[in-house]
Amino acid sequence: MKQSRPPEKRFFDEGRIPNDVWSVLRTASLLSVGEFRVFQIAYAQWYGEEGDEKMIERYFTGYMFNDIVPVWVRHF
């Protein structure tokens, strides 16, 4: 009797990830940084100065819980 492999476990469905979120994930992977760091770098590039961590955290919370990616992150 041939043993079958158990199905590969996935923690989320890649087919349902919005394009903006997928772009953030891909950017983080390419830069070998976390998603929050992508937000920090994008903010600095867009506005020309480092953003306050608490302020960036507000936008990041929207990203984490509601898949909202700010324009300055989308254009990074």
Protein backbone atom coordinates (compact mmCIF):
# COMPACT_ATOMS: atom_id res chain seq x y z
CA MET A 1 0.00 0.00 0.00
CA LYS A 2 1.38 3.36 -1.05
CA GLN A 3 1.54 6.08 1.57
CA SER A 4 0.14 9.42 0.58
CA ARG A 5 1.63 12.69 1.68
CA PRO A 6 -0.47 14.87 3.94
CA PRO A 7 -1.72 18.02 2.24
CA GLU A 8 0.58 20.99 2.50
CA LYS A 9 -0.59 23.36 5.22
CA ARG A 10 -1.14 26.98 4.34
CA PHE A 11 -1.72 29.72 6.83
CA PHE A 12 -3.51 31.98 4.37
CA ASP A 13 -4.92 31.68 0.89
CA GLU A 14 -2.48 33.35 -1.52
CA GLY A 15 -5.24 33.62 -4.11
CA ARG A 16 -7.18 36.01 -1.90
CA ILE A 17 -4.42 38.45 -0.99
CA PRO A 18 -5.15 41.91 -2.44
CA ASN A 19 -2.57 43.15 -4.94
CA ASP A 20 -1.48 46.05 -2.72
CA VAL A 21 -0.85 43.71 0.20
CA TRP A 22 0.96 41.25 -2.05
CA SER A 23 3.23 44.10 -3.20
CA VAL A 24 4.12 44.97 0.40
CA LEU A 25 4.90 41.32 1.15
CA ARG A 26 7.02 41.00 -1.99
CA THR A 27 8.91 44.22 -1.24
CA ALA A 28 9.61 43.09 2.32
CA SER A 29 10.89 39.78 1.00
CA LEU A 30 13.14 41.39 -1.62
CA LEU A 31 14.61 43.81 0.92
CA SER A 32 14.84 41.14 3.65
CA VAL A 33 12.99 43.39 6.09
CA GLY A 34 9.66 43.27 7.88
CA GLU A 35 6.49 44.84 6.55
CA PHE A 36 6.61 47.63 9.14
CA ARG A 37 10.09 48.55 7.94
CA VAL A 38 8.74 48.78 4.37
CA PHE A 39 6.25 51.35 5.67
CA GLN A 40 9.07 53.29 7.36
CA ILE A 41 11.27 53.32 4.27
CA ALA A 42 8.37 54.24 1.98
CA TYR A 43 7.34 57.09 4.27
CA ALA A 44 10.87 58.49 4.35
CA GLN A 45 11.16 58.33 0.56
CA TRP A 46 7.73 59.89 -0.05
CA TYR A 47 7.95 62.70 2.52
CA GLY A 48 11.72 63.22 2.62
CA GLU A 49 11.95 62.66 6.37
CA GLU A 50 11.66 59.84 8.87
CA GLY A 51 8.14 59.33 10.14
CA ASP A 52 7.18 59.12 13.77
CA GLU A 53 6.80 55.46 14.73
CA LYS A 54 3.40 56.02 16.37
CA MET A 55 2.08 57.76 13.26
CA ILE A 56 3.31 55.02 10.93
CA GLU A 57 1.83 52.45 13.30
CA ARG A 58 -1.65 53.94 12.71
CA TYR A 59 -1.32 53.27 8.98
CA PHE A 60 0.26 49.88 9.57
CA THR A 61 -2.67 48.83 11.77
CA GLY A 62 -5.04 49.62 8.89
CA TYR A 63 -2.85 47.51 6.65
CA MET A 64 -2.70 44.56 9.04
CA PHE A 65 -6.39 44.37 9.90
CA ASN A 66 -8.13 45.84 6.84
CA ASP A 67 -5.65 45.42 3.96
CA ILE A 68 -5.40 49.21 3.51
CA VAL A 69 -2.10 50.24 1.92
CA PRO A 70 -1.37 54.00 1.95
CA VAL A 71 -0.55 55.71 -1.33
CA TRP A 72 3.03 56.41 -0.24
CA VAL A 73 3.61 52.69 0.33
CA ARG A 74 1.98 51.74 -3.00
CA HIS A 75 4.33 54.08 -4.86
CA PHE A 76 7.44 52.81 -3.11
